Amino acid sequence: MQHREQQQVQQESRQFQQEHDRALAQNGLQRTEIPPAMKKSRMCSFFEQGRCSRGWRCSFA
């Protein structure tokens, strides 16, 4: 991936996360961080179904 494309993906990821956090806050919820020991330790159920849209941002394996 070229540098410019990588920057665009990172910016889109940040924008998505900000929108997600705002939506959670509007519903009185907050995002919780996954402990490092748990990251990438469970298979993504959406990936297994071929529907994962998070790509490298996904915290699941």
N, C-alpha and C. Protein backbone atom coordinates (compact mmCIF):
# COMPACT_ATOMS: atom_id res chain seq x y z
N MET A 1 0.85 -1.18 0.00
CA MET A 1 0.00 0.00 0.00
C MET A 1 0.89 1.24 0.00
N GLN A 2 0.57 2.19 -0.83
CA GLN A 2 1.36 3.40 -0.89
C GLN A 2 1.12 4.25 0.34
N HIS A 3 2.08 5.13 0.62
CA HIS A 3 2.03 5.97 1.81
C HIS A 3 0.75 6.80 1.86
N ARG A 4 0.37 7.41 0.75
CA ARG A 4 -0.83 8.26 0.71
C ARG A 4 -2.09 7.42 1.00
N GLU A 5 -2.16 6.23 0.42
CA GLU A 5 -3.31 5.35 0.65
C GLU A 5 -3.36 4.92 2.11
N GLN A 6 -2.20 4.63 2.67
CA GLN A 6 -2.14 4.22 4.07
C GLN A 6 -2.61 5.35 4.98
N GLN A 7 -2.21 6.58 4.68
CA GLN A 7 -2.66 7.73 5.47
C GLN A 7 -4.16 7.90 5.36
N GLN A 8 -4.72 7.70 4.17
CA GLN A 8 -6.15 7.84 3.97
C GLN A 8 -6.90 6.78 4.77
N VAL A 9 -6.41 5.56 4.76
CA VAL A 9 -7.04 4.48 5.52
C VAL A 9 -7.00 4.80 7.01
N GLN A 10 -5.86 5.30 7.49
CA GLN A 10 -5.75 5.65 8.91
C GLN A 10 -6.70 6.77 9.28
N GLN A 11 -6.83 7.78 8.40
CA GLN A 11 -7.74 8.89 8.66
C GLN A 11 -9.19 8.40 8.68
N GLU A 12 -9.55 7.55 7.74
CA GLU A 12 -10.91 7.01 7.71
C GLU A 12 -11.18 6.18 8.95
N SER A 13 -10.18 5.44 9.41
CA SER A 13 -10.32 4.64 10.62
C SER A 13 -10.57 5.53 11.84
N ARG A 14 -9.80 6.62 11.94
CA ARG A 14 -9.99 7.56 13.05
C ARG A 14 -11.38 8.19 13.00
N GLN A 15 -11.82 8.58 11.80
CA GLN A 15 -13.15 9.19 11.65
C GLN A 15 -14.23 8.20 12.04
N PHE A 16 -14.09 6.95 11.60
CA PHE A 16 -15.05 5.92 11.95
C PHE A 16 -15.11 5.74 13.46
N GLN A 17 -13.95 5.67 14.10
CA GLN A 17 -13.89 5.47 15.55
C GLN A 17 -14.52 6.64 16.29
N GLN A 18 -14.29 7.87 15.82
CA GLN A 18 -14.89 9.04 16.45
C GLN A 18 -16.40 9.01 16.33
N GLU A 19 -16.91 8.66 15.15
CA GLU A 19 -18.36 8.57 14.95
C GLU A 19 -18.94 7.47 15.83
N HIS A 20 -18.24 6.37 15.92
CA HIS A 20 -18.69 5.25 16.75
C HIS A 20 -18.74 5.67 18.22
N ASP A 21 -17.70 6.34 18.70
CA ASP A 21 -17.66 6.79 20.09
C ASP A 21 -18.78 7.79 20.37
N ARG A 22 -19.05 8.70 19.42
CA ARG A 22 -20.16 9.66 19.60
C ARG A 22 -21.49 8.94 19.70
N ALA A 23 -21.70 7.94 18.85
CA ALA A 23 -22.95 7.17 18.88
C ALA A 23 -23.10 6.44 20.21
N LEU A 24 -22.01 5.87 20.71
CA LEU A 24 -22.06 5.20 22.01
C LEU A 24 -22.40 6.19 23.12
N ALA A 25 -21.77 7.36 23.08
CA ALA A 25 -22.00 8.38 24.11
C ALA A 25 -23.44 8.85 24.10
N GLN A 26 -24.04 8.97 22.93
CA GLN A 26 -25.44 9.40 22.83
C GLN A 26 -26.36 8.38 23.49
N ASN A 27 -25.96 7.13 23.52
CA ASN A 27 -26.76 6.08 24.13
C ASN A 27 -26.33 5.78 25.56
N GLY A 28 -25.46 6.62 26.11
CA GLY A 28 -25.01 6.44 27.49
C GLY A 28 -24.02 5.31 27.66
N LEU A 29 -23.34 4.93 26.60
CA LEU A 29 -22.37 3.84 26.66
C LEU A 29 -20.98 4.38 26.40
N GLN A 30 -19.98 3.57 26.67
CA GLN A 30 -18.61 3.95 26.34
C GLN A 30 -17.86 2.73 25.84
N ARG A 31 -16.86 2.97 25.03
CA ARG A 31 -16.06 1.89 24.46
C ARG A 31 -15.09 1.38 25.52
N THR A 32 -14.94 0.09 25.59
CA THR A 32 -13.96 -0.49 26.51
C THR A 32 -12.81 -1.06 25.69
N GLU A 33 -11.62 -0.91 26.20
CA GLU A 33 -10.45 -1.44 25.52
C GLU A 33 -10.30 -2.92 25.85
N ILE A 34 -9.84 -3.68 24.89
CA ILE A 34 -9.60 -5.10 25.10
C ILE A 34 -8.21 -5.26 25.69
N PRO A 35 -8.09 -6.01 26.79
CA PRO A 35 -6.76 -6.21 27.37
C PRO A 35 -5.82 -6.82 26.34
N PRO A 36 -4.54 -6.40 26.33
CA PRO A 36 -3.58 -6.91 25.34
C PRO A 36 -3.52 -8.43 25.26
N ALA A 37 -3.70 -9.10 26.38
CA ALA A 37 -3.62 -10.56 26.39
C ALA A 37 -4.78 -11.18 25.60
N MET A 38 -5.89 -10.46 25.47
CA MET A 38 -7.06 -10.98 24.78
C MET A 38 -7.08 -10.64 23.29
N LYS A 39 -6.29 -9.65 22.87
CA LYS A 39 -6.32 -9.24 21.46
C LYS A 39 -5.89 -10.39 20.57
N LYS A 40 -6.61 -10.57 19.51
CA LYS A 40 -6.32 -11.58 18.48
C LYS A 40 -6.30 -13.00 19.04
N SER A 41 -7.04 -13.24 20.12
CA SER A 41 -7.06 -14.59 20.69
C SER A 41 -8.34 -15.35 20.35
N ARG A 42 -9.36 -14.64 19.86
CA ARG A 42 -10.61 -15.29 19.46
C ARG A 42 -10.86 -15.01 17.98
N MET A 43 -11.40 -16.00 17.28
CA MET A 43 -11.69 -15.82 15.86
C MET A 43 -12.89 -14.89 15.69
N CYS A 44 -12.80 -14.00 14.73
CA CYS A 44 -13.88 -13.06 14.42
C CYS A 44 -15.03 -13.84 13.78
N SER A 45 -16.21 -13.79 14.39
CA SER A 45 -17.35 -14.53 13.84
C SER A 45 -17.80 -13.95 12.50
N PHE A 46 -17.63 -12.64 12.32
CA PHE A 46 -17.98 -12.03 11.04
C PHE A 46 -17.02 -12.50 9.94
N PHE A 47 -15.72 -12.64 10.28
CA PHE A 47 -14.74 -13.13 9.31
C PHE A 47 -15.09 -14.55 8.89
N GLU A 48 -15.48 -15.37 9.86
CA GLU A 48 -15.85 -16.76 9.55
C GLU A 48 -17.02 -16.81 8.58
N GLN A 49 -17.91 -15.81 8.66
CA GLN A 49 -19.06 -15.75 7.76
C GLN A 49 -18.75 -15.00 6.48
N GLY A 50 -17.52 -14.48 6.37
CA GLY A 50 -17.12 -13.72 5.19
C GLY A 50 -17.69 -12.31 5.16
N ARG A 51 -18.04 -11.76 6.35
CA ARG A 51 -18.67 -10.44 6.40
C ARG A 51 -17.89 -9.43 7.23
N CYS A 52 -16.64 -9.69 7.58
CA CYS A 52 -15.86 -8.76 8.40
C CYS A 52 -15.46 -7.55 7.56
N SER A 53 -15.79 -6.36 8.05
CA SER A 53 -15.47 -5.14 7.33
C SER A 53 -14.38 -4.33 8.03
N ARG A 54 -13.87 -4.84 9.14
CA ARG A 54 -12.90 -4.07 9.92
C ARG A 54 -11.46 -4.30 9.48
N GLY A 55 -11.18 -5.39 8.81
CA GLY A 55 -9.83 -5.65 8.31
C GLY A 55 -8.81 -5.66 9.43
N TRP A 56 -7.68 -4.96 9.24
CA TRP A 56 -6.59 -4.95 10.22
C TRP A 56 -6.98 -4.26 11.52
N ARG A 57 -8.08 -3.50 11.52
CA ARG A 57 -8.52 -2.81 12.74
C ARG A 57 -9.23 -3.76 13.71
N CYS A 58 -9.61 -4.92 13.21
CA CYS A 58 -10.35 -5.88 14.02
C CYS A 58 -9.49 -6.38 15.18
N SER A 59 -10.08 -6.45 16.36
CA SER A 59 -9.33 -6.91 17.53
C SER A 59 -9.37 -8.43 17.68
N PHE A 60 -10.13 -9.08 16.80
CA PHE A 60 -10.20 -10.53 16.83
C PHE A 60 -9.20 -11.12 15.85
N ALA A 61 -8.93 -12.41 16.00
CA ALA A 61 -7.99 -13.11 15.11
C ALA A 61 -8.61 -13.33 13.75
